[in-house]
Amino acid sequence: TTGEQDVAPTTGEQDNAPMTTGEEAVAPTREEQDDFPMTTGEQAIAQRRAGGLQWVAEGLQWVAGVCSGWLGARGDQAVGPGTDSSTPAGLCSCFDESIIANIFERFDLVECNKLALVSTQFRLWVKSYRLPFNVRIFKLQNPDATDGEYTLYYYGRKTAPFQCYLHGLSTPQPLEYLSLPSGPDKNFSFFPNGGSTDGSSLRTSFEKIRLNPVTLQVKTDDYKFSTTKGGPLKQTWGNGAHSHVFETVPYAVARDCRGWHQESGKSNIDLRQTPFCVASSFGPRGCAGTGSSKFDHDNQVVELRGGGYCGGIYPQQDQTCGQGPSGGWALQLAFVQQ
């Protein structure tokens, strides 16, 4: 009633009002509250909730791991299979612990169980049915495999298989490489001395090249499976203001520092006995950079000649200035047209 409302304590008064002696006698202590046993029904619900949250955690963490394989080469340009039918739409998001914790706080038991079911179905879908399109999917399907040549499938398509060397399968960061079987005199980059360089000429030969199996881009400055003869070679430019000591030469780069209109730098790309060809074009970089590119054998073979002061010829995707070190995810491949 109105009278009762007039005398009713406010929220602040209720919080601050001390309990009577009788209330204290019947109020459970904090220890009694914590130790108060749950009913059988409550225990069943708690167990189901804990199980559901565990499945969600594993599912989200697994999806994040798979998605990092779709994001280029772990830290490089973000890429992905787009709307291709082999890609689970909307699942490629990176989840950290705080996001997972928020999901746990906001979802009730039924929703958590639904998410657990979805993540479990997705995991089983990849493990038992889909063809591996990168090293992470392959490792999930073959946890005991050792480093070697294996078959991957472009975008998971049965009609687009290719051989790929999978390296570091026993580590958290396995990588994909394309073997180059054309021979020891192929697939090299040569940087001669002379001009504004001091030291020995460099020749780097590549047995395998780092490949992103989703974008088909090559990381031209990955030297894991390469050998270099000669060097070191110190280059100076900017009237002596800048210098760099080269110990390797990137893949698909022909450069020198011998002067204007020089093309004594050489490079060879030979993808024969693989299903790939070169899809990149090439252009000059650096000071007085110049060069030429000759495509052959359905674009599986490219001969490069380049130079400058200092300069040369590079893949067009290589955005470095051409003076100092170059490389990165700069060479684009494609499947040879059948």
C-alpha atoms as a PDB file:
ATOM      1  CA  THR A   1       0.000   0.000   0.000  1.00  0.00           C
ATOM      2  CA  THR A   2       0.942   3.653  -0.107  1.00  0.00           C
ATOM      3  CA  GLY A   3       1.743   3.592   3.528  1.00  0.00           C
ATOM      4  CA  GLU A   4       3.930   0.527   3.162  1.00  0.00           C
ATOM      5  CA  GLN A   5       5.799   2.156   0.248  1.00  0.00           C
ATOM      6  CA  ASP A   6       6.467   5.197   2.404  1.00  0.00           C
ATOM      7  CA  VAL A   7       8.180   3.142   5.081  1.00  0.00           C
ATOM      8  CA  ALA A   8       9.836   0.515   2.845  1.00  0.00           C
ATOM      9  CA  PRO A   9      13.664   0.701   3.002  1.00  0.00           C
ATOM     10  CA  THR A  10      15.504   1.811  -0.150  1.00  0.00           C
ATOM     11  CA  THR A  11      17.910  -0.511  -1.962  1.00  0.00           C
ATOM     12  CA  GLY A  12      20.826   1.184  -0.265  1.00  0.00           C
ATOM     13  CA  GLU A  13      19.127   0.834   3.136  1.00  0.00           C
ATOM     14  CA  GLN A  14      18.423  -2.834   2.478  1.00  0.00           C
ATOM     15  CA  ASP A  15      22.060  -3.487   1.555  1.00  0.00           C
ATOM     16  CA  ASN A  16      23.388  -1.632   4.580  1.00  0.00           C
ATOM     17  CA  ALA A  17      20.810  -2.748   7.158  1.00  0.00           C
ATOM     18  CA  PRO A  18      22.259  -5.283   9.607  1.00  0.00           C
ATOM     19  CA  MET A  19      20.510  -8.627  10.062  1.00  0.00           C
ATOM     20  CA  THR A  20      18.695  -9.348  13.280  1.00  0.00           C
ATOM     21  CA  THR A  21      19.968 -11.976  15.677  1.00  0.00           C
ATOM     22  CA  GLY A  22      17.356 -14.400  14.384  1.00  0.00           C
ATOM     23  CA  GLU A  23      18.294 -13.796  10.776  1.00  0.00           C
ATOM     24  CA  GLU A  24      21.976 -14.394  11.539  1.00  0.00           C
ATOM     25  CA  ALA A  25      21.110 -17.663  13.210  1.00  0.00           C
ATOM     26  CA  VAL A  26      19.428 -19.109  10.125  1.00  0.00           C
ATOM     27  CA  ALA A  27      21.580 -17.515   7.398  1.00  0.00           C
ATOM     28  CA  PRO A  28      24.100 -19.983   5.898  1.00  0.00           C
ATOM     29  CA  THR A  29      27.774 -19.078   6.148  1.00  0.00           C
ATOM     30  CA  ARG A  30      29.929 -18.695   2.979  1.00  0.00           C
ATOM     31  CA  GLU A  31      31.516 -22.057   3.692  1.00  0.00           C
ATOM     32  CA  GLU A  32      28.103 -23.675   4.030  1.00  0.00           C
ATOM     33  CA  GLN A  33      27.005 -22.113   0.734  1.00  0.00           C
ATOM     34  CA  ASP A  34      30.080 -23.396  -1.112  1.00  0.00           C
ATOM     35  CA  ASP A  35      29.756 -26.890   0.369  1.00  0.00           C
ATOM     36  CA  PHE A  36      26.032 -27.200  -0.106  1.00  0.00           C
ATOM     37  CA  PRO A  37      25.624 -30.309  -2.268  1.00  0.00           C
ATOM     38  CA  MET A  38      23.907 -30.057  -5.661  1.00  0.00           C
ATOM     39  CA  THR A  39      20.963 -32.220  -6.430  1.00  0.00           C
ATOM     40  CA  THR A  40      21.331 -35.061  -8.921  1.00  0.00           C
ATOM     41  CA  GLY A  41      19.634 -32.978 -11.602  1.00  0.00           C
ATOM     42  CA  GLU A  42      21.924 -30.013 -10.992  1.00  0.00           C
ATOM     43  CA  GLN A  43      24.992 -32.233 -11.176  1.00  0.00           C
ATOM     44  CA  ALA A  44      23.840 -33.669 -14.516  1.00  0.00           C
ATOM     45  CA  ILE A  45      23.302 -30.174 -15.938  1.00  0.00           C
ATOM     46  CA  ALA A  46      26.721 -28.999 -14.698  1.00  0.00           C
ATOM     47  CA  GLN A  47      28.454 -32.029 -16.214  1.00  0.00           C
ATOM     48  CA  ARG A  48      26.698 -31.513 -19.544  1.00  0.00           C
ATOM     49  CA  ARG A  49      27.624 -27.829 -19.515  1.00  0.00           C
ATOM     50  CA  ALA A  50      31.288 -28.577 -18.742  1.00  0.00           C
ATOM     51  CA  GLY A  51      31.390 -31.161 -21.519  1.00  0.00           C
ATOM     52  CA  GLY A  52      29.762 -28.784 -23.968  1.00  0.00           C
ATOM     53  CA  LEU A  53      32.179 -25.972 -23.145  1.00  0.00           C
ATOM     54  CA  GLN A  54      35.142 -28.323 -23.547  1.00  0.00           C
ATOM     55  CA  TRP A  55      33.962 -29.341 -27.020  1.00  0.00           C
ATOM     56  CA  VAL A  56      33.391 -25.710 -27.983  1.00  0.00           C
ATOM     57  CA  ALA A  57      36.874 -24.747 -26.797  1.00  0.00           C
ATOM     58  CA  GLU A  58      38.514 -27.548 -28.751  1.00  0.00           C
ATOM     59  CA  GLY A  59      36.411 -26.813 -31.803  1.00  0.00           C
ATOM     60  CA  LEU A  60      37.156 -23.078 -31.839  1.00  0.00           C
ATOM     61  CA  GLN A  61      40.856 -23.568 -31.197  1.00  0.00           C
ATOM     62  CA  TRP A  62      41.020 -26.171 -33.989  1.00  0.00           C
ATOM     63  CA  VAL A  63      39.165 -23.891 -36.428  1.00  0.00           C
ATOM     64  CA  ALA A  64      41.592 -21.057 -35.574  1.00  0.00           C
ATOM     65  CA  GLY A  65      44.514 -23.379 -36.356  1.00  0.00           C
ATOM     66  CA  VAL A  66      43.056 -24.423 -39.685  1.00  0.00           C
ATOM     67  CA  CYS A  67      42.218 -20.829 -40.577  1.00  0.00           C
ATOM     68  CA  SER A  68      45.805 -19.746 -40.050  1.00  0.00           C
ATOM     69  CA  GLY A  69      46.606 -22.026 -42.969  1.00  0.00           C
ATOM     70  CA  TRP A  70      44.130 -20.037 -45.081  1.00  0.00           C
ATOM     71  CA  LEU A  71      45.710 -16.733 -44.056  1.00  0.00           C
ATOM     72  CA  GLY A  72      48.635 -16.958 -46.430  1.00  0.00           C
ATOM     73  CA  ALA A  73      51.900 -17.970 -44.849  1.00  0.00           C
ATOM     74  CA  ARG A  74      51.407 -17.171 -41.169  1.00  0.00           C
ATOM     75  CA  GLY A  75      51.858 -13.444 -40.884  1.00  0.00           C
ATOM     76  CA  ASP A  76      51.915 -12.567 -44.565  1.00  0.00           C
ATOM     77  CA  GLN A  77      49.143 -11.194 -46.747  1.00  0.00           C
ATOM     78  CA  ALA A  78      45.726 -12.537 -45.769  1.00  0.00           C
ATOM     79  CA  VAL A  79      44.314 -14.828 -48.412  1.00  0.00           C
ATOM     80  CA  GLY A  80      41.644 -17.475 -48.605  1.00  0.00           C
ATOM     81  CA  PRO A  81      39.707 -19.770 -50.888  1.00  0.00           C
ATOM     82  CA  GLY A  82      36.822 -17.264 -51.004  1.00  0.00           C
ATOM     83  CA  THR A  83      33.447 -18.719 -51.874  1.00  0.00           C
ATOM     84  CA  ASP A  84      34.754 -21.975 -53.273  1.00  0.00           C
ATOM     85  CA  SER A  85      32.472 -24.866 -52.351  1.00  0.00           C
ATOM     86  CA  SER A  86      35.319 -26.674 -50.572  1.00  0.00           C
ATOM     87  CA  THR A  87      35.624 -23.889 -47.999  1.00  0.00           C
ATOM     88  CA  PRO A  88      33.400 -23.863 -44.894  1.00  0.00           C
ATOM     89  CA  ALA A  89      31.892 -20.381 -45.262  1.00  0.00           C
ATOM     90  CA  GLY A  90      32.218 -18.019 -42.319  1.00  0.00           C
ATOM     91  CA  LEU A  91      34.479 -20.229 -40.243  1.00  0.00           C
ATOM     92  CA  CYS A  92      37.781 -18.522 -41.047  1.00  0.00           C
ATOM     93  CA  SER A  93      38.024 -16.196 -38.039  1.00  0.00           C
ATOM     94  CA  CYS A  94      40.841 -16.035 -35.531  1.00  0.00           C
ATOM     95  CA  PHE A  95      39.689 -16.791 -31.974  1.00  0.00           C
ATOM     96  CA  ASP A  96      41.734 -15.834 -28.937  1.00  0.00           C
ATOM     97  CA  GLU A  97      41.138 -16.822 -25.321  1.00  0.00           C
ATOM     98  CA  SER A  98      39.180 -13.669 -24.462  1.00  0.00           C
ATOM     99  CA  ILE A  99      36.717 -14.254 -27.305  1.00  0.00           C
ATOM    100  CA  ILE A 100      36.232 -17.869 -26.256  1.00  0.00           C
ATOM    101  CA  ALA A 101      35.668 -16.730 -22.656  1.00  0.00           C
ATOM    102  CA  ASN A 102      33.001 -14.257 -23.809  1.00  0.00           C
ATOM    103  CA  ILE A 103      31.263 -17.016 -25.747  1.00  0.00           C
ATOM    104  CA  PHE A 104      31.215 -19.185 -22.625  1.00  0.00           C
ATOM    105  CA  GLU A 105      29.702 -16.369 -20.549  1.00  0.00           C
ATOM    106  CA  ARG A 106      26.968 -15.471 -23.024  1.00  0.00           C
ATOM    107  CA  PHE A 107      25.800 -18.870 -24.299  1.00  0.00           C
ATOM    108  CA  ASP A 108      23.521 -21.085 -22.276  1.00  0.00           C
ATOM    109  CA  LEU A 109      23.788 -24.869 -22.084  1.00  0.00           C
ATOM    110  CA  VAL A 110      21.637 -25.579 -25.143  1.00  0.00           C
ATOM    111  CA  GLU A 111      23.565 -23.134 -27.309  1.00  0.00           C
ATOM    112  CA  CYS A 112      26.914 -24.525 -26.163  1.00  0.00           C
ATOM    113  CA  ASN A 113      25.803 -28.043 -27.006  1.00  0.00           C
ATOM    114  CA  LYS A 114      24.725 -26.846 -30.460  1.00  0.00           C
ATOM    115  CA  LEU A 115      28.129 -25.235 -31.057  1.00  0.00           C
ATOM    116  CA  ALA A 116      29.878 -28.349 -29.822  1.00  0.00           C
ATOM    117  CA  LEU A 117      27.911 -30.436 -32.310  1.00  0.00           C
ATOM    118  CA  VAL A 118      28.754 -28.089 -35.182  1.00  0.00           C
ATOM    119  CA  SER A 119      32.478 -27.984 -34.383  1.00  0.00           C
ATOM    120  CA  THR A 120      32.604 -31.760 -33.981  1.00  0.00           C
ATOM    121  CA  GLN A 121      30.830 -32.297 -37.295  1.00  0.00           C
ATOM    122  CA  PHE A 122      33.215 -29.866 -38.991  1.00  0.00           C
ATOM    123  CA  ARG A 123      36.226 -31.693 -37.537  1.00  0.00           C
ATOM    124  CA  LEU A 124      34.914 -35.080 -38.667  1.00  0.00           C
ATOM    125  CA  TRP A 125      33.985 -33.627 -42.059  1.00  0.00           C
ATOM    126  CA  VAL A 126      37.585 -32.550 -42.675  1.00  0.00           C
ATOM    127  CA  LYS A 127      39.222 -35.654 -41.206  1.00  0.00           C
ATOM    128  CA  SER A 128      37.156 -38.289 -42.944  1.00  0.00           C
ATOM    129  CA  TYR A 129      35.962 -36.751 -46.190  1.00  0.00           C
ATOM    130  CA  ARG A 130      37.652 -33.672 -47.613  1.00  0.00           C
ATOM    131  CA  LEU A 131      40.919 -33.799 -49.577  1.00  0.00           C
ATOM    132  CA  PRO A 132      43.825 -31.884 -47.991  1.00  0.00           C
ATOM    133  CA  PHE A 133      44.549 -28.514 -49.576  1.00  0.00           C
ATOM    134  CA  ASN A 134      47.336 -27.420 -47.228  1.00  0.00           C
ATOM    135  CA  VAL A 135      49.800 -28.879 -44.743  1.00  0.00           C
ATOM    136  CA  ARG A 136      47.608 -28.203 -41.687  1.00  0.00           C
ATOM    137  CA  ILE A 137      44.689 -30.202 -43.037  1.00  0.00           C
ATOM    138  CA  PHE A 138      47.103 -32.956 -44.084  1.00  0.00           C
ATOM    139  CA  LYS A 139      48.673 -33.034 -40.619  1.00  0.00           C
ATOM    140  CA  LEU A 140      45.261 -33.291 -38.979  1.00  0.00           C
ATOM    141  CA  GLN A 141      44.349 -36.234 -41.188  1.00  0.00           C
ATOM    142  CA  ASN A 142      47.797 -37.872 -40.886  1.00  0.00           C
ATOM    143  CA  PRO A 143      49.176 -37.033 -37.426  1.00  0.00           C
ATOM    144  CA  ASP A 144      52.011 -39.594 -37.627  1.00  0.00           C
ATOM    145  CA  ALA A 145      53.332 -38.585 -41.065  1.00  0.00           C
ATOM    146  CA  THR A 146      56.983 -37.559 -41.455  1.00  0.00           C
ATOM    147  CA  ASP A 147      58.464 -34.939 -43.780  1.00  0.00           C
ATOM    148  CA  GLY A 148      58.280 -35.854 -47.448  1.00  0.00           C
ATOM    149  CA  GLU A 149      56.456 -35.600 -50.756  1.00  0.00           C
ATOM    150  CA  TYR A 150      52.658 -35.856 -50.489  1.00  0.00           C
ATOM    151  CA  THR A 151      49.641 -35.087 -52.643  1.00  0.00           C
ATOM    152  CA  LEU A 152      47.666 -31.919 -51.941  1.00  0.00           C
ATOM    153  CA  TYR A 153      44.539 -30.815 -53.788  1.00  0.00           C
ATOM    154  CA  TYR A 154      44.073 -27.247 -54.974  1.00  0.00           C
ATOM    155  CA  TYR A 155      41.064 -25.867 -53.025  1.00  0.00           C
ATOM    156  CA  GLY A 156      40.323 -29.479 -52.066  1.00  0.00           C
ATOM    157  CA  ARG A 157      39.344 -30.348 -55.637  1.00  0.00           C
ATOM    158  CA  LYS A 158      39.755 -33.939 -56.683  1.00  0.00           C
ATOM    159  CA  THR A 159      40.562 -32.825 -60.235  1.00  0.00           C
ATOM    160  CA  ALA A 160      43.513 -30.616 -59.155  1.00  0.00           C
ATOM    161  CA  PRO A 161      46.112 -32.757 -57.352  1.00  0.00           C
ATOM    162  CA  PHE A 162      49.779 -31.800 -57.110  1.00  0.00           C
ATOM    163  CA  GLN A 163      52.866 -33.037 -55.303  1.00  0.00           C
ATOM    164  CA  CYS A 164      54.168 -30.923 -52.447  1.00  0.00           C
ATOM    165  CA  TYR A 165      57.038 -31.420 -50.030  1.00  0.00           C
ATOM    166  CA  LEU A 166      55.726 -30.996 -46.487  1.00  0.00           C
ATOM    167  CA  HIS A 167      58.413 -29.836 -44.091  1.00  0.00           C
ATOM    168  CA  GLY A 168      58.311 -29.697 -40.282  1.00  0.00           C
ATOM    169  CA  LEU A 169      55.352 -32.053 -39.786  1.00  0.00           C
ATOM    170  CA  SER A 170      56.531 -32.757 -36.239  1.00  0.00           C
ATOM    171  CA  THR A 171      56.574 -29.035 -35.379  1.00  0.00           C
ATOM    172  CA  PRO A 172      53.761 -26.539 -34.656  1.00  0.00           C
ATOM    173  CA  GLN A 173      54.560 -24.619 -37.869  1.00  0.00           C
ATOM    174  CA  PRO A 174      54.803 -27.038 -40.813  1.00  0.00           C
ATOM    175  CA  LEU A 175      55.391 -25.534 -44.260  1.00  0.00           C
ATOM    176  CA  GLU A 176      54.804 -26.418 -47.911  1.00  0.00           C
ATOM    177  CA  TYR A 177      57.541 -26.528 -50.571  1.00  0.00           C
ATOM    178  CA  LEU A 178      57.521 -27.302 -54.284  1.00  0.00           C
ATOM    179  CA  SER A 179      60.343 -29.605 -55.405  1.00  0.00           C
ATOM    180  CA  LEU A 180      62.146 -28.630 -58.610  1.00  0.00           C
ATOM    181  CA  PRO A 181      63.300 -31.815 -60.382  1.00  0.00           C
ATOM    182  CA  SER A 182      64.616 -30.180 -63.559  1.00  0.00           C
ATOM    183  CA  GLY A 183      68.287 -30.523 -62.558  1.00  0.00           C
ATOM    184  CA  PRO A 184      71.168 -28.810 -60.716  1.00  0.00           C
ATOM    185  CA  ASP A 185      71.905 -26.337 -63.548  1.00  0.00           C
ATOM    186  CA  LYS A 186      68.393 -24.873 -63.424  1.00  0.00           C
ATOM    187  CA  ASN A 187      66.507 -22.675 -60.964  1.00  0.00           C
ATOM    188  CA  PHE A 188      69.283 -20.311 -59.926  1.00  0.00           C
ATOM    189  CA  SER A 189      69.925 -16.595 -59.469  1.00  0.00           C
ATOM    190  CA  PHE A 190      73.335 -15.057 -60.246  1.00  0.00           C
ATOM    191  CA  PHE A 191      74.581 -11.701 -58.907  1.00  0.00           C
ATOM    192  CA  PRO A 192      78.033 -10.811 -60.346  1.00  0.00           C
ATOM    193  CA  ASN A 193      80.556  -8.560 -58.633  1.00  0.00           C
ATOM    194  CA  GLY A 194      81.880  -5.332 -60.107  1.00  0.00           C
ATOM    195  CA  GLY A 195      80.803  -1.721 -60.231  1.00  0.00           C
ATOM    196  CA  SER A 196      79.556  -0.573 -56.819  1.00  0.00           C
ATOM    197  CA  THR A 197      80.000  -3.998 -55.207  1.00  0.00           C
ATOM    198  CA  ASP A 198      82.983  -5.411 -53.362  1.00  0.00           C
ATOM    199  CA  GLY A 199      83.496  -9.130 -52.860  1.00  0.00           C
ATOM    200  CA  SER A 200      82.809 -12.378 -54.715  1.00  0.00           C
ATOM    201  CA  SER A 201      80.008 -13.078 -57.200  1.00  0.00           C
ATOM    202  CA  LEU A 202      77.009 -14.966 -55.813  1.00  0.00           C
ATOM    203  CA  ARG A 203      75.020 -17.850 -57.302  1.00  0.00           C
ATOM    204  CA  THR A 204      72.107 -19.306 -55.322  1.00  0.00           C
ATOM    205  CA  SER A 205      70.561 -22.558 -56.593  1.00  0.00           C
ATOM    206  CA  PHE A 206      67.155 -23.779 -55.424  1.00  0.00           C
ATOM    207  CA  GLU A 207      66.166 -27.420 -54.937  1.00  0.00           C
ATOM    208  CA  LYS A 208      62.739 -26.514 -53.523  1.00  0.00           C
ATOM    209  CA  ILE A 209      60.803 -23.260 -53.315  1.00  0.00           C
ATOM    210  CA  ARG A 210      58.350 -22.167 -50.628  1.00  0.00           C
ATOM    211  CA  LEU A 211      54.793 -22.387 -51.992  1.00  0.00           C
ATOM    212  CA  ASN A 212      51.480 -21.167 -50.655  1.00  0.00           C
ATOM    213  CA  PRO A 213      49.159 -23.952 -51.880  1.00  0.00           C
ATOM    214  CA  VAL A 214      46.061 -21.719 -51.733  1.00  0.00           C
ATOM    215  CA  THR A 215      47.324 -18.617 -53.581  1.00  0.00           C
ATOM    216  CA  LEU A 216      50.062 -20.447 -55.565  1.00  0.00           C
ATOM    217  CA  GLN A 217      52.487 -17.672 -54.635  1.00  0.00           C
ATOM    218  CA  VAL A 218      56.202 -18.355 -54.154  1.00  0.00           C
ATOM    219  CA  LYS A 219      58.268 -16.767 -51.368  1.00  0.00           C
ATOM    220  CA  THR A 220      61.354 -15.859 -53.366  1.00  0.00           C
ATOM    221  CA  ASP A 221      63.586 -15.207 -50.327  1.00  0.00           C
ATOM    222  CA  ASP A 222      63.109 -18.567 -48.598  1.00  0.00           C
ATOM    223  CA  TYR A 223      66.489 -20.322 -48.685  1.00  0.00           C
ATOM    224  CA  LYS A 224      65.695 -23.450 -46.667  1.00  0.00           C
ATOM    225  CA  PHE A 225      66.390 -25.771 -49.613  1.00  0.00           C
ATOM    226  CA  SER A 226      69.014 -23.771 -51.476  1.00  0.00           C
ATOM    227  CA  THR A 227      72.793 -23.683 -51.813  1.00  0.00           C
ATOM    228  CA  THR A 228      74.930 -20.604 -52.481  1.00  0.00           C
ATOM    229  CA  LYS A 229      78.398 -20.426 -54.002  1.00  0.00           C
ATOM    230  CA  GLY A 230      80.606 -17.363 -53.684  1.00  0.00           C
ATOM    231  CA  GLY A 231      80.094 -14.250 -51.639  1.00  0.00           C
ATOM    232  CA  PRO A 232      79.781 -12.361 -49.482  1.00  0.00           C
ATOM    233  CA  LEU A 233      79.129  -9.428 -51.781  1.00  0.00           C
ATOM    234  CA  LYS A 234      78.880  -5.894 -50.366  1.00  0.00           C
ATOM    235  CA  GLN A 235      76.779  -3.404 -52.337  1.00  0.00           C
ATOM    236  CA  THR A 236      77.044   0.349 -51.726  1.00  0.00           C
ATOM    237  CA  TRP A 237      74.652   3.001 -53.048  1.00  0.00           C
ATOM    238  CA  GLY A 238      73.518   6.570 -52.387  1.00  0.00           C
ATOM    239  CA  ASN A 239      77.108   7.922 -52.692  1.00  0.00           C
ATOM    240  CA  GLY A 240      78.169   5.594 -49.927  1.00  0.00           C
ATOM    241  CA  ALA A 241      75.309   6.467 -47.588  1.00  0.00           C
ATOM    242  CA  HIS A 242      73.819   2.964 -47.749  1.00  0.00           C
ATOM    243  CA  SER A 243      75.234  -0.531 -47.993  1.00  0.00           C
ATOM    244  CA  HIS A 244      74.183  -4.144 -47.687  1.00  0.00           C
ATOM    245  CA  VAL A 245      76.140  -7.392 -47.571  1.00  0.00           C
ATOM    246  CA  PHE A 246      74.539 -10.106 -49.713  1.00  0.00           C
ATOM    247  CA  GLU A 247      75.069 -13.774 -48.912  1.00  0.00           C
ATOM    248  CA  THR A 248      72.195 -15.131 -51.036  1.00  0.00           C
ATOM    249  CA  VAL A 249      70.230 -14.051 -54.129  1.00  0.00           C
ATOM    250  CA  PRO A 250      66.412 -14.354 -54.235  1.00  0.00           C
ATOM    251  CA  TYR A 251      64.676 -16.709 -56.616  1.00  0.00           C
ATOM    252  CA  ALA A 252      63.552 -15.190 -59.941  1.00  0.00           C
ATOM    253  CA  VAL A 253      65.801 -12.097 -59.707  1.00  0.00           C
ATOM    254  CA  ALA A 254      68.571 -11.017 -62.138  1.00  0.00           C
ATOM    255  CA  ARG A 255      70.647  -8.049 -60.949  1.00  0.00           C
ATOM    256  CA  ASP A 256      74.066  -6.420 -61.014  1.00  0.00           C
ATOM    257  CA  CYS A 257      75.796  -3.148 -60.064  1.00  0.00           C
ATOM    258  CA  ARG A 258      78.098  -2.767 -63.060  1.00  0.00           C
ATOM    259  CA  GLY A 259      76.575   0.349 -64.571  1.00  0.00           C
ATOM    260  CA  TRP A 260      73.980   1.719 -66.935  1.00  0.00           C
ATOM    261  CA  HIS A 261      72.482  -0.665 -69.498  1.00  0.00           C
ATOM    262  CA  GLN A 262      74.287  -3.688 -68.082  1.00  0.00           C
ATOM    263  CA  GLU A 263      72.553  -7.069 -68.016  1.00  0.00           C
ATOM    264  CA  SER A 264      75.152  -9.405 -66.555  1.00  0.00           C
ATOM    265  CA  GLY A 265      72.841 -10.637 -63.790  1.00  0.00           C
ATOM    266  CA  LYS A 266      71.100 -13.922 -64.612  1.00  0.00           C
ATOM    267  CA  SER A 267      68.263 -16.038 -63.294  1.00  0.00           C
ATOM    268  CA  ASN A 268      66.541 -19.213 -64.436  1.00  0.00           C
ATOM    269  CA  ILE A 269      63.092 -20.555 -63.538  1.00  0.00           C
ATOM    270  CA  ASP A 270      62.361 -24.114 -64.652  1.00  0.00           C
ATOM    271  CA  LEU A 271      59.091 -25.678 -63.463  1.00  0.00           C
ATOM    272  CA  ARG A 272      59.081 -28.592 -65.876  1.00  0.00           C
ATOM    273  CA  GLN A 273      57.990 -31.915 -64.313  1.00  0.00           C
ATOM    274  CA  THR A 274      55.612 -29.948 -62.097  1.00  0.00           C
ATOM    275  CA  PRO A 275      52.006 -28.990 -62.986  1.00  0.00           C
ATOM    276  CA  PHE A 276      52.789 -25.267 -62.651  1.00  0.00           C
ATOM    277  CA  CYS A 277      53.854 -22.394 -64.905  1.00  0.00           C
ATOM    278  CA  VAL A 278      54.836 -18.776 -64.232  1.00  0.00           C
ATOM    279  CA  ALA A 279      51.923 -16.327 -64.191  1.00  0.00           C
ATOM    280  CA  SER A 280      53.938 -13.253 -63.148  1.00  0.00           C
ATOM    281  CA  SER A 281      55.340 -10.610 -65.447  1.00  0.00           C
ATOM    282  CA  PHE A 282      58.732  -9.002 -64.802  1.00  0.00           C
ATOM    283  CA  GLY A 283      59.982  -5.420 -64.770  1.00  0.00           C
ATOM    284  CA  PRO A 284      63.045  -3.294 -63.942  1.00  0.00           C
ATOM    285  CA  ARG A 285      63.887  -2.056 -60.449  1.00  0.00           C
ATOM    286  CA  GLY A 286      66.645   0.052 -58.965  1.00  0.00           C
ATOM    287  CA  CYS A 287      68.962   2.703 -60.345  1.00  0.00           C
ATOM    288  CA  ALA A 288      69.146   2.472 -64.149  1.00  0.00           C
ATOM    289  CA  GLY A 289      67.503  -0.939 -63.809  1.00  0.00           C
ATOM    290  CA  THR A 290      67.007  -2.843 -67.009  1.00  0.00           C
ATOM    291  CA  GLY A 291      66.480  -6.408 -68.131  1.00  0.00           C
ATOM    292  CA  SER A 292      64.655  -8.932 -70.265  1.00  0.00           C
ATOM    293  CA  SER A 293      62.548 -12.017 -69.701  1.00  0.00           C
ATOM    294  CA  LYS A 294      62.102 -14.894 -72.132  1.00  0.00           C
ATOM    295  CA  PHE A 295      59.225 -17.356 -71.588  1.00  0.00           C
ATOM    296  CA  ASP A 296      59.286 -20.872 -73.049  1.00  0.00           C
ATOM    297  CA  HIS A 297      57.729 -24.360 -72.674  1.00  0.00           C
ATOM    298  CA  ASP A 298      54.208 -23.094 -71.947  1.00  0.00           C
ATOM    299  CA  ASN A 299      55.622 -20.529 -69.499  1.00  0.00           C
ATOM    300  CA  GLN A 300      57.221 -23.226 -67.367  1.00  0.00           C
ATOM    301  CA  VAL A 301      60.683 -21.912 -68.227  1.00  0.00           C
ATOM    302  CA  VAL A 302      61.736 -18.271 -67.871  1.00  0.00           C
ATOM    303  CA  GLU A 303      65.212 -16.878 -68.593  1.00  0.00           C
ATOM    304  CA  LEU A 304      66.005 -13.520 -66.988  1.00  0.00           C
ATOM    305  CA  ARG A 305      68.837 -11.085 -67.742  1.00  0.00           C
ATOM    306  CA  GLY A 306      69.165  -7.862 -65.798  1.00  0.00           C
ATOM    307  CA  GLY A 307      71.351  -5.224 -64.228  1.00  0.00           C
ATOM    308  CA  GLY A 308      71.893  -1.536 -63.526  1.00  0.00           C
ATOM    309  CA  TYR A 309      73.718   0.678 -61.037  1.00  0.00           C
ATOM    310  CA  CYS A 310      72.463  -1.090 -58.951  1.00  0.00           C
ATOM    311  CA  GLY A 311      69.365  -2.624 -60.473  1.00  0.00           C
ATOM    312  CA  GLY A 312      67.906  -5.494 -62.402  1.00  0.00           C
ATOM    313  CA  ILE A 313      64.724  -7.297 -63.303  1.00  0.00           C
ATOM    314  CA  TYR A 314      62.254  -8.589 -60.719  1.00  0.00           C
ATOM    315  CA  PRO A 315      58.748 -10.073 -60.537  1.00  0.00           C
ATOM    316  CA  GLN A 316      56.220  -7.245 -60.780  1.00  0.00           C
ATOM    317  CA  GLN A 317      54.741  -8.217 -57.388  1.00  0.00           C
ATOM    318  CA  ASP A 318      58.124  -7.489 -55.734  1.00  0.00           C
ATOM    319  CA  GLN A 319      57.602  -4.011 -54.275  1.00  0.00           C
ATOM    320  CA  THR A 320      61.156  -3.535 -52.964  1.00  0.00           C
ATOM    321  CA  CYS A 321      63.185  -0.653 -54.431  1.00  0.00           C
ATOM    322  CA  GLY A 322      65.765  -2.837 -56.162  1.00  0.00           C
ATOM    323  CA  GLN A 323      68.760  -1.351 -54.362  1.00  0.00           C
ATOM    324  CA  GLY A 324      68.989  -3.397 -51.200  1.00  0.00           C
ATOM    325  CA  PRO A 325      67.624  -6.850 -50.362  1.00  0.00           C
ATOM    326  CA  SER A 326      64.460  -7.962 -52.130  1.00  0.00           C
ATOM    327  CA  GLY A 327      62.022 -10.860 -52.064  1.00  0.00           C
ATOM    328  CA  GLY A 328      58.839 -11.994 -50.368  1.00  0.00           C
ATOM    329  CA  TRP A 329      55.643 -13.530 -51.736  1.00  0.00           C
ATOM    330  CA  ALA A 330      56.481 -12.059 -55.122  1.00  0.00           C
ATOM    331  CA  LEU A 331      56.187 -14.791 -57.767  1.00  0.00           C
ATOM    332  CA  GLN A 332      52.757 -15.966 -58.942  1.00  0.00           C
ATOM    333  CA  LEU A 333      52.288 -19.471 -60.346  1.00  0.00           C
ATOM    334  CA  ALA A 334      49.331 -21.077 -62.114  1.00  0.00           C
ATOM    335  CA  PHE A 335      48.405 -24.518 -63.335  1.00  0.00           C
ATOM    336  CA  VAL A 336      49.561 -25.384 -66.842  1.00  0.00           C
ATOM    337  CA  GLN A 337      46.580 -25.361 -69.177  1.00  0.00           C
ATOM    338  CA  GLN A 338      45.846 -28.873 -70.384  1.00  0.00           C
END
